[in-house]
Structures are given as C-alpha cells and as structure tokens.
N, C-alpha and C. Protein backbone atom coordinates (compact mmCIF):
# COMPACT_ATOMS: atom_id res chain seq x y z
N MET A 1 0.76 -1.13 -0.11
CA MET A 1 0.11 -0.34 -0.04
C MET A 1 0.81 1.41 0.09
N THR A 2 0.46 2.10 -0.85
CA THR A 2 1.41 3.01 -0.90
C THR A 2 0.75 4.20 -0.22
N SER A 3 1.52 4.73 0.42
CA SER A 3 1.00 6.00 1.53
C SER A 3 1.58 7.77 0.79
N ALA A 4 0.37 8.46 0.67
CA ALA A 4 0.67 9.53 -0.02
C ALA A 4 0.97 10.70 0.72
N ARG A 5 2.61 11.27 0.07
CA ARG A 5 2.43 12.32 1.32
C ARG A 5 1.83 13.17 1.41
N ARG A 6 1.58 13.71 2.43
CA ARG A 6 0.65 15.05 2.38
C ARG A 6 0.68 16.66 2.68
N TYR A 7 2.32 16.52 2.85
CA TYR A 7 2.48 17.82 3.05
C TYR A 7 3.72 18.29 1.64
N HIS A 8 2.65 19.32 1.10
CA HIS A 8 3.38 20.01 0.11
C HIS A 8 3.08 21.23 -0.36
N HIS A 9 3.20 22.23 0.42
CA HIS A 9 2.67 23.78 0.08
C HIS A 9 3.34 24.81 -0.15
N GLY A 10 3.10 25.34 -0.90
CA GLY A 10 4.10 26.87 -0.95
C GLY A 10 3.78 27.74 -0.25
N ASN A 11 3.13 28.19 0.80
CA ASN A 11 3.16 29.16 1.53
C ASN A 11 2.50 28.95 3.02
N LEU A 12 2.84 27.71 3.62
CA LEU A 12 2.09 27.02 4.53
C LEU A 12 1.65 28.35 5.64
N ARG A 13 2.79 28.95 6.01
CA ARG A 13 2.16 29.98 7.14
C ARG A 13 1.21 30.96 6.64
N GLN A 14 1.31 31.37 5.65
CA GLN A 14 -0.12 31.91 4.94
C GLN A 14 -1.14 31.32 5.27
N ALA A 15 -1.04 30.26 4.51
CA ALA A 15 -2.44 29.13 4.21
C ALA A 15 -3.01 29.03 5.71
N VAL A 16 -2.06 28.79 6.57
CA VAL A 16 -2.77 28.46 7.72
C VAL A 16 -3.47 29.29 8.67
N LEU A 17 -2.80 30.75 8.56
CA LEU A 17 -2.97 31.92 9.36
C LEU A 17 -4.35 32.22 8.31
N ASP A 18 -4.60 32.54 7.20
CA ASP A 18 -5.82 32.51 6.28
C ASP A 18 -6.92 31.53 6.83
N GLU A 19 -6.83 30.12 7.08
CA GLU A 19 -7.80 29.38 7.61
C GLU A 19 -8.28 29.68 8.98
N ALA A 20 -6.81 29.89 9.82
CA ALA A 20 -6.93 30.38 11.10
C ALA A 20 -8.27 31.36 11.41
N ALA A 21 -8.07 32.24 10.78
CA ALA A 21 -8.78 33.97 10.29
C ALA A 21 -10.22 33.22 9.96
N THR A 22 -10.25 32.48 9.06
CA THR A 22 -11.86 32.36 8.53
C THR A 22 -12.25 31.31 9.90
N VAL A 23 -11.60 30.59 10.50
CA VAL A 23 -12.42 29.52 11.78
C VAL A 23 -12.85 30.96 12.58
N VAL A 24 -11.83 31.62 13.22
CA VAL A 24 -12.52 33.16 14.11
C VAL A 24 -13.46 33.48 13.69
N ARG A 25 -13.54 34.02 12.26
CA ARG A 25 -14.44 34.76 12.00
C ARG A 25 -16.03 33.80 12.19
N ASP A 26 -15.51 32.79 11.80
CA ASP A 26 -17.06 32.11 11.76
C ASP A 26 -17.16 31.53 13.02
N ARG A 27 -16.35 31.18 13.48
CA ARG A 27 -16.96 30.27 14.90
C ARG A 27 -16.73 30.65 16.26
N GLY A 28 -15.18 31.73 16.03
CA GLY A 28 -14.76 32.36 17.54
C GLY A 28 -13.58 31.46 17.42
N ALA A 29 -12.52 31.84 18.77
CA ALA A 29 -11.18 31.80 18.86
C ALA A 29 -11.50 30.23 19.98
N ALA A 30 -12.07 30.44 20.11
CA ALA A 30 -12.57 29.41 21.08
C ALA A 30 -12.29 27.69 20.34
N GLU A 31 -12.95 27.76 19.20
CA GLU A 31 -12.97 26.87 18.23
C GLU A 31 -12.04 26.41 17.14
N LEU A 32 -10.66 27.30 17.71
CA LEU A 32 -9.73 26.89 16.47
C LEU A 32 -9.14 25.71 17.27
N SER A 33 -8.36 24.88 16.01
CA SER A 33 -7.82 23.63 16.82
C SER A 33 -6.82 24.12 15.69
N LEU A 34 -5.13 23.57 15.95
CA LEU A 34 -4.02 23.45 14.74
C LEU A 34 -4.32 22.41 14.15
N ARG A 35 -5.05 21.07 14.45
CA ARG A 35 -5.09 19.45 13.99
C ARG A 35 -6.42 20.11 12.79
N GLU A 36 -7.24 20.47 13.09
CA GLU A 36 -8.57 20.86 11.92
C GLU A 36 -7.93 21.72 10.84
N ILE A 37 -7.02 22.46 11.28
CA ILE A 37 -6.23 23.48 10.33
C ILE A 37 -5.31 23.03 9.72
N ALA A 38 -4.48 22.09 9.79
CA ALA A 38 -3.75 21.15 9.19
C ALA A 38 -4.79 20.43 8.79
N ALA A 39 -6.09 19.82 8.71
CA ALA A 39 -6.38 18.75 8.07
C ALA A 39 -7.23 19.49 6.51
N THR A 40 -7.43 21.17 6.92
CA THR A 40 -8.31 21.81 6.12
C THR A 40 -7.02 22.36 5.02
N VAL A 41 -5.85 22.48 5.45
CA VAL A 41 -5.09 22.99 4.47
C VAL A 41 -4.44 22.01 3.16
N GLY A 42 -4.56 20.75 4.40
CA GLY A 42 -4.25 19.58 3.65
C GLY A 42 -2.61 19.13 4.18
N VAL A 43 -2.40 19.16 5.08
CA VAL A 43 -1.00 19.01 5.62
C VAL A 43 -0.88 18.15 6.87
N THR A 44 0.22 17.47 6.87
CA THR A 44 0.14 16.52 8.13
C THR A 44 -0.22 17.84 9.62
N HIS A 45 -0.70 16.84 10.40
CA HIS A 45 -1.25 17.61 11.67
C HIS A 45 0.22 18.51 12.26
N ALA A 46 1.16 17.83 12.15
CA ALA A 46 2.75 18.77 12.80
C ALA A 46 2.99 19.86 11.78
N ALA A 47 2.81 19.73 10.62
CA ALA A 47 3.16 20.70 9.83
C ALA A 47 3.26 22.24 10.17
N PRO A 48 1.96 22.58 10.37
CA PRO A 48 1.78 24.28 10.97
C PRO A 48 2.64 24.29 12.55
N ARG A 49 2.83 23.54 13.00
CA ARG A 49 4.18 23.66 14.01
C ARG A 49 5.29 24.44 14.11
N ARG A 50 5.73 24.27 12.83
CA ARG A 50 7.13 24.67 11.87
C ARG A 50 6.87 26.10 12.38
N HIS A 51 5.62 26.65 11.86
CA HIS A 51 5.64 28.09 12.07
C HIS A 51 4.78 28.95 13.56
N PHE A 52 3.83 27.86 14.07
CA PHE A 52 2.96 28.06 15.17
C PHE A 52 3.09 27.36 16.16
N PRO A 53 4.09 27.23 17.34
CA PRO A 53 4.53 26.02 18.10
C PRO A 53 3.44 25.73 18.84
N GLY A 54 2.29 26.62 18.92
CA GLY A 54 1.51 26.39 19.53
C GLY A 54 0.30 26.84 19.43
N ARG A 55 -0.99 26.28 19.84
CA ARG A 55 -2.33 27.11 19.49
C ARG A 55 -2.46 28.90 19.78
N GLN A 56 -1.99 28.81 20.67
CA GLN A 56 -1.46 30.14 21.09
C GLN A 56 -0.96 31.15 20.22
N ASP A 57 0.18 30.82 19.78
CA ASP A 57 1.12 31.46 18.82
C ASP A 57 0.38 31.92 17.68
N LEU A 58 -0.58 30.67 17.06
CA LEU A 58 -1.43 30.92 15.94
C LEU A 58 -2.54 32.00 16.54
N LEU A 59 -3.06 32.09 17.33
CA LEU A 59 -4.04 32.56 17.78
C LEU A 59 -3.30 34.48 18.10
N ASP A 60 -1.89 33.95 18.33
CA ASP A 60 -1.50 35.85 18.13
C ASP A 60 -1.49 36.36 17.14
N ALA A 61 -0.77 35.47 16.03
CA ALA A 61 -0.11 35.98 14.94
C ALA A 61 -1.83 36.41 13.77
N VAL A 62 -2.91 35.83 14.50
CA VAL A 62 -4.46 36.04 13.96
C VAL A 62 -4.55 37.57 14.32
N ALA A 63 -4.42 37.41 15.52
CA ALA A 63 -4.87 38.87 16.22
C ALA A 63 -3.70 39.97 15.49
N VAL A 64 -2.51 39.48 14.77
CA VAL A 64 -1.43 40.87 14.50
C VAL A 64 -1.82 40.92 12.91
N GLU A 65 -2.52 39.81 12.56
CA GLU A 65 -2.84 39.81 10.90
C GLU A 65 -4.41 41.07 11.33
N GLY A 66 -5.24 40.71 12.13
CA GLY A 66 -6.24 41.23 12.43
C GLY A 66 -6.24 43.29 12.29
N PHE A 67 -5.20 43.22 12.99
CA PHE A 67 -4.90 44.88 13.27
C PHE A 67 -4.24 45.39 12.21
N ALA A 68 -3.33 44.25 11.53
CA ALA A 68 -2.98 45.17 10.37
C ALA A 68 -4.34 45.17 9.48
N ARG A 69 -5.06 44.50 9.03
CA ARG A 69 -6.29 44.45 7.99
C ARG A 69 -7.10 45.61 8.70
N LEU A 70 -7.23 46.10 10.23
CA LEU A 70 -8.16 47.12 10.49
C LEU A 70 -7.62 48.83 10.23
N GLY A 71 -6.04 48.58 10.37
CA GLY A 71 -5.28 49.67 9.71
C GLY A 71 -5.24 50.06 8.86
N THR A 72 -5.67 49.06 7.52
CA THR A 72 -5.66 49.44 6.27
C THR A 72 -6.92 49.71 5.92
N ARG A 73 -8.50 49.20 6.36
CA ARG A 73 -8.81 49.99 5.98
C ARG A 73 -9.45 51.68 6.85
N LEU A 74 -8.79 51.68 8.30
CA LEU A 74 -8.54 53.19 8.82
C LEU A 74 -7.97 54.22 7.53
N ARG A 75 -6.85 53.47 7.81
CA ARG A 75 -5.63 54.59 6.33
C ARG A 75 -6.93 54.91 5.18
N ASP A 76 -7.18 53.86 4.53
CA ASP A 76 -7.96 53.70 3.47
C ASP A 76 -9.04 55.03 3.88
N ALA A 77 -9.84 54.92 4.77
CA ALA A 77 -10.69 55.65 4.95
C ALA A 77 -10.41 57.37 5.34
N LEU A 78 -8.99 57.19 5.69
CA LEU A 78 -8.72 58.71 6.17
C LEU A 78 -8.61 59.54 4.87
N ASP A 79 -7.86 58.38 3.79
CA ASP A 79 -7.32 59.17 2.61
C ASP A 79 -8.68 59.39 1.13
N THR A 80 -9.91 59.38 2.23
CA THR A 80 -11.20 59.23 1.04
C THR A 80 -11.53 60.83 1.01
N SER A 81 -11.11 61.63 1.71
CA SER A 81 -11.13 63.27 1.70
C SER A 81 -9.78 64.11 2.48
N SER A 82 -9.85 65.70 2.23
CA SER A 82 -8.58 65.90 2.79
C SER A 82 -9.94 66.98 3.78
N ASP A 83 -11.23 67.16 4.18
CA ASP A 83 -12.22 67.95 4.78
C ASP A 83 -12.01 66.60 6.20
N TYR A 84 -11.72 67.44 7.29
CA TYR A 84 -11.89 66.50 8.50
C TYR A 84 -12.43 66.02 9.16
N ARG A 85 -13.68 67.14 8.68
CA ARG A 85 -15.23 65.85 9.36
C ARG A 85 -15.54 64.65 8.46
N ALA A 86 -15.33 65.33 6.99
CA ALA A 86 -15.60 64.14 5.62
C ALA A 86 -14.59 62.68 6.57
N GLN A 87 -13.66 62.91 7.09
CA GLN A 87 -12.42 61.38 7.40
C GLN A 87 -13.27 61.43 8.87
N LEU A 88 -13.17 61.67 9.85
CA LEU A 88 -14.20 61.60 10.98
C LEU A 88 -15.58 60.58 10.79
N ARG A 89 -16.47 60.99 9.82
CA ARG A 89 -17.05 60.35 9.17
C ARG A 89 -16.57 58.91 8.51
N SER A 90 -15.87 59.35 7.63
CA SER A 90 -15.24 57.82 6.85
C SER A 90 -14.54 56.88 7.92
N VAL A 91 -13.71 57.07 8.95
CA VAL A 91 -12.97 56.69 9.98
C VAL A 91 -13.85 56.06 10.95
N ALA A 92 -14.90 56.56 11.27
CA ALA A 92 -15.87 55.75 11.89
C ALA A 92 -17.06 54.67 11.42
N GLU A 93 -16.85 54.94 10.07
CA GLU A 93 -17.91 53.92 9.58
C GLU A 93 -17.13 52.85 9.18
N ALA A 94 -15.93 53.01 8.84
CA ALA A 94 -14.88 51.92 8.26
C ALA A 94 -14.55 51.14 9.62
N HIS A 95 -14.25 51.87 10.70
CA HIS A 95 -14.12 51.08 12.13
C HIS A 95 -15.29 50.29 12.27
N LEU A 96 -16.62 50.91 12.10
CA LEU A 96 -17.68 50.15 12.92
C LEU A 96 -18.05 48.78 11.65
N ASP A 97 -17.86 49.42 10.62
CA ASP A 97 -18.16 48.15 9.72
C ASP A 97 -17.02 46.96 10.08
N PHE A 98 -15.80 47.29 10.65
CA PHE A 98 -15.06 46.31 10.52
C PHE A 98 -15.35 45.48 12.05
N MET A 99 -15.75 46.26 13.15
CA MET A 99 -16.01 45.57 14.56
C MET A 99 -17.00 45.02 14.56
N ILE A 100 -17.94 45.09 13.64
CA ILE A 100 -19.53 44.54 13.24
C ILE A 100 -19.38 43.28 12.77
N SER A 101 -18.50 43.23 11.31
CA SER A 101 -18.29 42.21 10.55
C SER A 101 -17.64 41.17 11.16
N GLU A 102 -16.62 41.44 12.13
CA GLU A 102 -15.70 40.93 12.05
C GLU A 102 -15.56 40.77 13.84
N ALA A 103 -16.58 40.64 14.37
CA ALA A 103 -16.78 40.67 15.99
C ALA A 103 -16.05 39.37 16.55
N ASN A 104 -16.15 38.59 15.80
CA ASN A 104 -14.80 37.27 16.76
C ASN A 104 -13.59 37.83 16.43
N LEU A 105 -13.44 38.30 15.42
CA LEU A 105 -11.55 38.72 15.46
C LEU A 105 -11.43 39.75 16.14
N VAL A 106 -12.41 40.47 16.40
CA VAL A 106 -11.97 41.91 17.35
C VAL A 106 -12.20 41.31 18.82
N GLU A 107 -12.93 40.68 18.95
CA GLU A 107 -12.77 39.88 20.32
C GLU A 107 -11.34 39.36 20.87
N LEU A 108 -10.84 38.70 19.56
CA LEU A 108 -9.52 38.47 19.82
C LEU A 108 -8.20 39.11 20.04
N MET A 109 -8.39 40.25 18.84
CA MET A 109 -7.69 41.31 18.70
C MET A 109 -7.19 41.68 20.77
N PHE A 110 -8.80 42.05 21.22
CA PHE A 110 -8.42 42.80 21.75
C PHE A 110 -8.30 41.92 23.15
N ALA A 111 -8.00 40.93 23.07
CA ALA A 111 -8.06 39.94 24.57
C ALA A 111 -6.75 39.87 24.61
N HIS A 112 -5.94 40.39 24.02
CA HIS A 112 -4.16 39.98 23.65
C HIS A 112 -3.82 41.47 24.62
N LYS A 113 -3.64 41.17 26.48
CA LYS A 113 -2.70 42.16 26.59
C LYS A 113 -1.36 41.86 27.25
N HIS A 114 -1.37 40.65 27.51
CA HIS A 114 -0.05 39.98 28.10
C HIS A 114 0.52 38.68 27.67
N GLY A 115 1.25 38.49 27.96
CA GLY A 115 2.07 37.40 27.51
C GLY A 115 2.81 37.60 26.49
N PRO A 116 3.39 36.14 25.97
CA PRO A 116 4.98 36.59 25.34
C PRO A 116 4.39 37.32 23.81
N ALA A 117 3.04 37.47 22.95
CA ALA A 117 3.10 38.35 22.17
C ALA A 117 2.67 39.35 22.31
N GLY A 118 2.39 39.78 23.50
CA GLY A 118 1.53 41.08 23.99
C GLY A 118 2.29 42.47 23.16
N ALA A 119 3.86 42.27 23.21
CA ALA A 119 4.20 43.40 22.59
C ALA A 119 3.55 43.68 20.92
N ALA A 120 4.03 42.68 19.90
CA ALA A 120 3.54 42.44 19.11
C ALA A 120 2.26 42.74 18.31
N VAL A 121 1.54 42.33 19.86
CA VAL A 121 0.49 42.55 19.08
C VAL A 121 -0.35 44.28 19.45
N GLY A 122 0.68 44.92 20.47
CA GLY A 122 0.26 46.14 21.11
C GLY A 122 0.83 46.73 19.78
N LYS A 123 2.39 46.63 19.46
CA LYS A 123 2.65 47.18 17.87
C LYS A 123 1.78 46.97 17.07
N ALA A 124 1.25 46.23 16.83
CA ALA A 124 0.25 46.55 16.01
C ALA A 124 -0.96 46.55 15.77
N ALA A 125 -1.60 47.30 16.95
CA ALA A 125 -2.66 47.76 17.60
C ALA A 125 -2.52 49.60 17.49
N ALA A 126 -0.68 49.91 17.95
CA ALA A 126 -0.56 51.01 18.06
C ALA A 126 -0.42 51.25 16.35
N SER A 127 0.11 50.76 15.69
CA SER A 127 0.11 51.35 13.92
C SER A 127 -1.33 50.94 13.51
N ALA A 128 -2.35 50.32 13.89
CA ALA A 128 -3.56 49.84 13.30
C ALA A 128 -4.38 51.60 13.56
N PHE A 129 -3.94 52.19 15.04
CA PHE A 129 -5.01 53.14 15.33
C PHE A 129 -4.47 54.27 14.79
N ALA A 130 -3.04 54.58 14.69
CA ALA A 130 -1.91 55.83 14.06
C ALA A 130 -3.04 56.56 12.97
N PRO A 131 -3.96 56.55 12.15
CA PRO A 131 -4.82 57.07 11.44
C PRO A 131 -5.39 57.72 12.51
N ILE A 132 -5.73 57.39 13.06
CA ILE A 132 -7.04 58.18 14.14
C ILE A 132 -6.25 59.81 14.50
N LEU A 133 -5.19 59.03 15.14
CA LEU A 133 -4.28 60.19 16.19
C LEU A 133 -3.97 61.40 14.79
N VAL A 134 -3.00 60.85 13.22
CA VAL A 134 -3.40 61.69 12.30
C VAL A 134 -4.50 62.41 11.91
N MET A 135 -5.79 62.11 11.92
CA MET A 135 -6.77 62.55 12.14
C MET A 135 -7.27 63.54 12.61
N PHE A 136 -7.02 63.33 14.22
CA PHE A 136 -7.46 64.28 15.11
C PHE A 136 -6.42 65.27 15.44
N ARG A 137 -5.34 64.83 14.99
CA ARG A 137 -4.00 65.96 14.76
C ARG A 137 -4.23 66.83 13.34
N ARG A 138 -4.93 66.62 12.40
CA ARG A 138 -5.55 67.64 11.35
C ARG A 138 -6.84 68.19 11.38
N GLY A 139 -7.67 67.92 12.51
CA GLY A 139 -8.84 68.73 12.92
C GLY A 139 -8.24 69.95 13.84
N GLN A 140 -6.95 69.18 14.92
CA GLN A 140 -6.62 70.42 15.67
C GLN A 140 -6.35 71.25 14.69
N ALA A 141 -5.12 71.05 13.76
CA ALA A 141 -4.62 71.97 13.16
C ALA A 141 -5.87 72.94 11.97
N ASP A 142 -6.55 72.32 12.23
CA ASP A 142 -7.74 72.83 11.18
C ASP A 142 -8.43 73.87 11.95
N GLY A 143 -8.17 74.08 13.12
CA GLY A 143 -9.17 74.33 14.19
C GLY A 143 -10.48 73.87 14.50
N VAL A 144 -11.22 72.87 13.98
CA VAL A 144 -12.05 72.34 14.26
C VAL A 144 -11.99 71.34 15.40
N VAL A 145 -11.17 71.03 15.72
CA VAL A 145 -10.95 70.39 16.93
C VAL A 145 -10.32 70.93 18.13
N ALA A 146 -11.11 71.07 19.24
CA ALA A 146 -9.95 71.61 20.34
C ALA A 146 -8.67 70.80 20.66
N VAL A 147 -7.50 71.83 20.88
CA VAL A 147 -6.43 71.75 21.47
C VAL A 147 -6.13 70.74 22.45
N ARG A 148 -6.50 69.15 22.49
CA ARG A 148 -6.08 68.72 23.89
C ARG A 148 -5.12 67.27 23.18
N ASP A 149 -4.79 66.35 24.07
CA ASP A 149 -4.14 65.41 24.00
C ASP A 149 -4.85 64.60 22.51
N PRO A 150 -3.93 64.26 21.34
CA PRO A 150 -4.85 63.18 20.72
C PRO A 150 -5.04 62.13 20.65
N GLU A 151 -4.10 61.43 21.73
CA GLU A 151 -3.96 59.98 22.12
C GLU A 151 -5.45 59.97 23.09
N ARG A 152 -6.04 60.70 23.74
CA ARG A 152 -6.70 61.12 25.16
C ARG A 152 -8.03 60.63 23.78
N LEU A 153 -8.31 61.91 22.85
CA LEU A 153 -9.45 62.12 22.16
C LEU A 153 -9.53 60.93 21.26
N GLY A 154 -8.40 59.89 20.98
CA GLY A 154 -8.59 58.70 20.08
C GLY A 154 -9.17 57.33 20.97
N LEU A 155 -8.80 57.84 22.14
CA LEU A 155 -9.39 56.75 23.20
C LEU A 155 -10.94 56.85 22.96
N VAL A 156 -10.91 58.18 23.51
CA VAL A 156 -12.67 58.44 23.69
C VAL A 156 -13.64 58.11 22.65
N PHE A 157 -12.62 58.34 21.46
CA PHE A 157 -12.97 57.79 20.18
C PHE A 157 -13.50 56.45 19.76
N LEU A 158 -12.57 55.76 20.01
CA LEU A 158 -12.84 53.87 19.58
C LEU A 158 -13.57 53.84 21.23
N ALA A 159 -13.61 54.40 22.37
CA ALA A 159 -14.67 54.19 23.20
C ALA A 159 -16.10 53.92 22.77
N THR A 160 -16.55 55.13 22.06
CA THR A 160 -17.65 55.14 21.50
C THR A 160 -18.08 54.20 20.29
N LEU A 161 -17.13 54.07 19.52
CA LEU A 161 -17.36 53.27 18.15
C LEU A 161 -17.15 52.18 19.40
N GLN A 162 -16.45 51.47 20.21
CA GLN A 162 -16.74 50.15 20.48
C GLN A 162 -17.99 49.99 21.32
N GLY A 163 -18.57 50.88 22.10
CA GLY A 163 -19.91 50.96 22.46
C GLY A 163 -20.89 50.58 21.43
N LEU A 164 -21.02 51.53 20.56
CA LEU A 164 -22.14 51.27 19.19
C LEU A 164 -21.80 50.06 18.96
N ALA A 165 -21.16 49.36 18.24
CA ALA A 165 -20.88 48.09 17.98
C ALA A 165 -21.00 47.15 18.78
N GLY A 166 -20.83 47.07 20.40
CA GLY A 166 -21.28 46.28 20.88
C GLY A 166 -23.05 46.15 21.42
N LEU A 167 -23.25 46.94 21.31
CA LEU A 167 -24.68 47.23 21.08
C LEU A 167 -25.60 46.73 20.02
N VAL A 168 -24.82 46.96 18.83
CA VAL A 168 -25.30 46.05 17.51
C VAL A 168 -25.30 44.35 17.86
N GLY A 169 -24.24 44.07 18.43
CA GLY A 169 -23.84 42.63 18.73
C GLY A 169 -24.58 42.07 19.54
N CYS A 170 -25.55 43.00 20.39
CA CYS A 170 -26.00 42.13 21.40
C CYS A 170 -27.51 42.28 21.15
N GLY A 171 -28.04 43.51 19.61
CA GLY A 171 -29.08 43.46 19.40
C GLY A 171 -30.21 44.90 19.84
N VAL A 172 -29.46 45.51 20.70
CA VAL A 172 -29.87 46.68 21.31
C VAL A 172 -30.26 47.63 20.32
N ILE A 173 -29.01 47.76 19.13
CA ILE A 173 -29.34 48.76 18.28
C ILE A 173 -29.13 47.94 17.02
N ARG A 174 -30.23 47.97 15.86
CA ARG A 174 -29.97 47.31 14.55
C ARG A 174 -29.20 47.85 13.51
N PRO A 175 -28.22 47.20 13.06
CA PRO A 175 -27.09 47.88 12.18
C PRO A 175 -28.00 48.77 11.44
N GLY A 176 -29.31 49.01 10.95
CA GLY A 176 -29.94 49.98 9.69
C GLY A 176 -30.13 51.14 10.73
N GLN A 177 -30.20 51.40 12.08
CA GLN A 177 -30.12 52.33 13.05
C GLN A 177 -28.57 53.03 13.13
N LEU A 178 -27.66 52.65 12.29
CA LEU A 178 -26.43 53.13 12.92
C LEU A 178 -26.42 54.49 12.07
N ASP A 179 -26.78 54.75 11.10
CA ASP A 179 -26.68 55.64 9.94
C ASP A 179 -27.25 57.06 11.02
N ASP A 180 -28.47 56.91 11.93
CA ASP A 180 -28.73 57.89 12.54
C ASP A 180 -28.00 58.53 13.81
N LEU A 181 -27.52 57.12 14.52
CA LEU A 181 -26.30 57.39 15.26
C LEU A 181 -25.65 57.78 15.32
N ILE A 182 -24.39 57.85 14.04
CA ILE A 182 -23.40 58.12 13.79
C ILE A 182 -22.79 59.74 14.15
N PRO A 183 -24.10 60.77 13.47
CA PRO A 183 -23.63 62.01 13.71
C PRO A 183 -23.51 62.43 15.38
N ASP A 184 -24.61 61.64 15.78
CA ASP A 184 -24.95 62.14 17.37
C ASP A 184 -23.48 61.35 18.11
N ALA A 185 -23.40 60.37 17.96
CA ALA A 185 -21.64 59.72 18.34
C ALA A 185 -20.58 60.45 17.80
N LEU A 186 -20.45 61.41 16.98
CA LEU A 186 -19.49 61.86 16.16
C LEU A 186 -19.53 63.53 16.85
N ALA A 187 -20.30 64.09 17.50
CA ALA A 187 -20.63 65.66 17.50
C ALA A 187 -19.96 65.88 18.46
N PRO A 188 -19.14 65.04 19.82
CA PRO A 188 -18.41 65.44 20.27
C PRO A 188 -16.92 65.87 19.76
N PHE A 189 -16.39 65.28 18.66
CA PHE A 189 -15.33 65.34 18.10
C PHE A 189 -15.22 66.01 16.54
N SER A 190 -16.62 66.41 16.36
CA SER A 190 -16.94 67.43 15.18
C SER A 190 -16.70 69.14 15.12
N GLY A 191 -15.95 69.59 16.83
CA GLY A 191 -15.91 70.72 16.65
C GLY A 191 -16.78 71.39 18.05
N GLY A 192 -17.05 70.38 18.75
CA GLY A 192 -17.81 70.81 20.17
C GLY A 192 -16.72 70.51 20.74
N ARG A 193 -16.83 71.61 22.06
CA ARG A 193 -15.87 71.77 22.99
C ARG A 193 -15.89 70.73 24.44
C-alpha cells in the first residue's frame, strides 16, 4: 500500500493564518484547532507547528494580522477626503463596519494584553490606530477640534465606536439604526468643546 505524502504547500504559514482567520471569523477563537487547520489546509497535523509552535502562537498571529487589516481600512478611510469632518465620518464608518463584520476577530484582537506576543500585538494595534491620531491632529491644526491630547481623544473615540458596535452585537441597536446614531456619536469630535 502506498501512502501519499500530504505535506507540499507553497506558503504554509499564510495558508494556516488564512484558515485560522476564517475559523475565528465564522466560529470564534475558542473553536480554533491546529489539527483541524492542518487537515483543512491539507498538511500533516505537525506541519503548522513549524510556524506556530502552539495554538496560542497562531491566535496571536491572527490578532496581529487582524490589526493590520483594520489599519489598512482606517488608512483607506482617512484618504477619502482632506476635510476633517468627512474623514471623521469615513473613519468611524470603516471602524464600525470592521468591528461588526469581524466581531469574533475583534474579540480576539482585544483579548491580548499580556503574554509572550503582547508586545507584537500592542505594536500592531498602535500601528492600526495611528490614522486616528493623524485625523485628530489634522482637525486640531484646522481649528475644528479643541487642542487636547490626540491620544486621549482617540481613546474616547474608540470607546464610543466600541460601545456602538457592542450594542449592535447584542441586538440593542439594529445595524440600520447606525446611520442615524453616528452623527450624534461623532458630535463631540466634530468641533464641540
């Protein structure tokens, strides 16, 4: 009887990451299994360990990649206009869309505070949220936003959006209601003092 060799993959690390991101998105981080990922990708159960020695290493990498994706969305949203208020709305909508459509991934991303990969996840988060600081600094330079610490404004902005996304997630707010609520949520960042 001939046994087929299962391992032959061009970019195993990325294939494993992509499949893990799909599992996290569809079923949540608790459902992630290295053995299942290996089977789906078509490699032996030990093959992913070449890149991810353990399950947590893979989850950490998925979180880092999630922040990279979020950062890309926020930078793209920032680049839609040079007008501060238009940028504010665009960035808020992009962030909310990501948080709602990728709720399981966002939960994983924000669950990483400590541990061996904490620094990498923290660095990825800082990079992802950098466009928000750029936006607030631009608003301050244009005289639209009161001169305050942009990082503090960013935290309150993120907390506001996180709250809205959480209320959508638990069904208190229907997604269709967001368009009406966003202007009210953004009012403190639109020139109010």
